[in-house]
Amino acid sequence: MNSIFKVSYALQRQQRAVERTLYARSAEESMLASKWVDAWHRLVQARLDKMAESSRYIDSRGRFLH
């Protein structure tokens, strides 16, 4: 699986966790969902950082190439 797809998947999971946090029926459910948001956010950042280390994904201006 390509790194871009892994990041995209993790970002989609993070979005779902945010939605669960917003629409939670109880404080406990919201707290649990917010922990998932944090976990997915850390995963997305770690994968983006890993991609940034590889110069083949970044152009001369520091933007990600797709």
Protein backbone atom coordinates (compact mmCIF):
# COMPACT_ATOMS: atom_id res chain seq x y z
CA MET A 1 0.00 0.00 0.00
CA ASN A 2 1.30 3.43 -0.93
CA SER A 3 2.20 5.91 1.83
CA ILE A 4 -0.24 8.49 0.48
CA PHE A 5 -3.08 5.96 0.77
CA LYS A 6 -2.03 5.06 4.32
CA VAL A 7 -2.10 8.72 5.32
CA SER A 8 -5.42 9.23 3.56
CA TYR A 9 -6.94 6.24 5.37
CA ALA A 10 -5.69 7.44 8.75
CA LEU A 11 -7.03 10.93 8.05
CA GLN A 12 -10.45 9.50 7.15
CA ARG A 13 -10.49 7.50 10.39
CA GLN A 14 -9.58 10.66 12.30
CA GLN A 15 -12.48 12.47 10.65
CA ARG A 16 -14.89 9.69 11.69
CA ALA A 17 -13.62 9.92 15.26
CA VAL A 18 -14.19 13.68 15.25
CA GLU A 19 -17.73 13.13 14.02
CA ARG A 20 -18.33 10.60 16.81
CA THR A 21 -17.04 13.15 19.32
CA LEU A 22 -19.39 15.83 18.02
CA TYR A 23 -22.47 13.61 17.98
CA ALA A 24 -21.81 11.66 21.19
CA ARG A 25 -24.83 11.03 23.38
CA SER A 26 -22.92 11.17 26.66
CA ALA A 27 -19.81 12.73 28.14
CA GLU A 28 -18.18 9.30 28.45
CA GLU A 29 -18.79 8.52 24.79
CA SER A 30 -17.40 11.91 23.83
CA MET A 31 -14.27 11.40 25.95
CA LEU A 32 -13.64 7.99 24.42
CA ALA A 33 -14.09 9.31 20.89
CA SER A 34 -11.76 12.24 21.60
CA LYS A 35 -9.06 9.76 22.64
CA TRP A 36 -9.45 8.09 19.25
CA VAL A 37 -9.20 11.49 17.56
CA ASP A 38 -5.91 12.08 19.35
CA ALA A 39 -4.57 8.64 18.44
CA TRP A 40 -5.46 8.99 14.77
CA HIS A 41 -4.02 12.51 14.72
CA ARG A 42 -0.68 11.24 16.06
CA LEU A 43 -0.68 8.47 13.44
CA VAL A 44 -1.40 10.93 10.61
CA GLN A 45 1.37 13.25 11.80
CA ALA A 46 3.85 10.38 12.15
CA ARG A 47 3.16 9.18 8.63
CA LEU A 48 3.38 12.69 7.20
CA ASP A 49 6.66 13.25 9.04
CA LYS A 50 7.99 9.97 7.67
CA MET A 51 7.02 11.03 4.15
CA ALA A 52 8.64 14.42 4.65
CA GLU A 53 11.95 12.75 5.45
CA SER A 54 11.96 11.32 1.97
CA SER A 55 12.81 14.12 -0.43
CA ARG A 56 11.17 12.36 -3.37
CA TYR A 57 7.75 13.40 -2.05
CA ILE A 58 8.61 17.08 -1.61
CA ASP A 59 9.24 19.69 -4.31
CA SER A 60 11.72 22.56 -4.07
CA ARG A 61 9.20 24.74 -2.20
CA GLY A 62 8.57 22.14 0.49
CA ARG A 63 5.15 21.10 -0.80
CA PHE A 64 4.06 17.48 -0.93
CA LEU A 65 3.87 15.91 -4.37
CA HIS A 66 1.14 13.46 -5.21
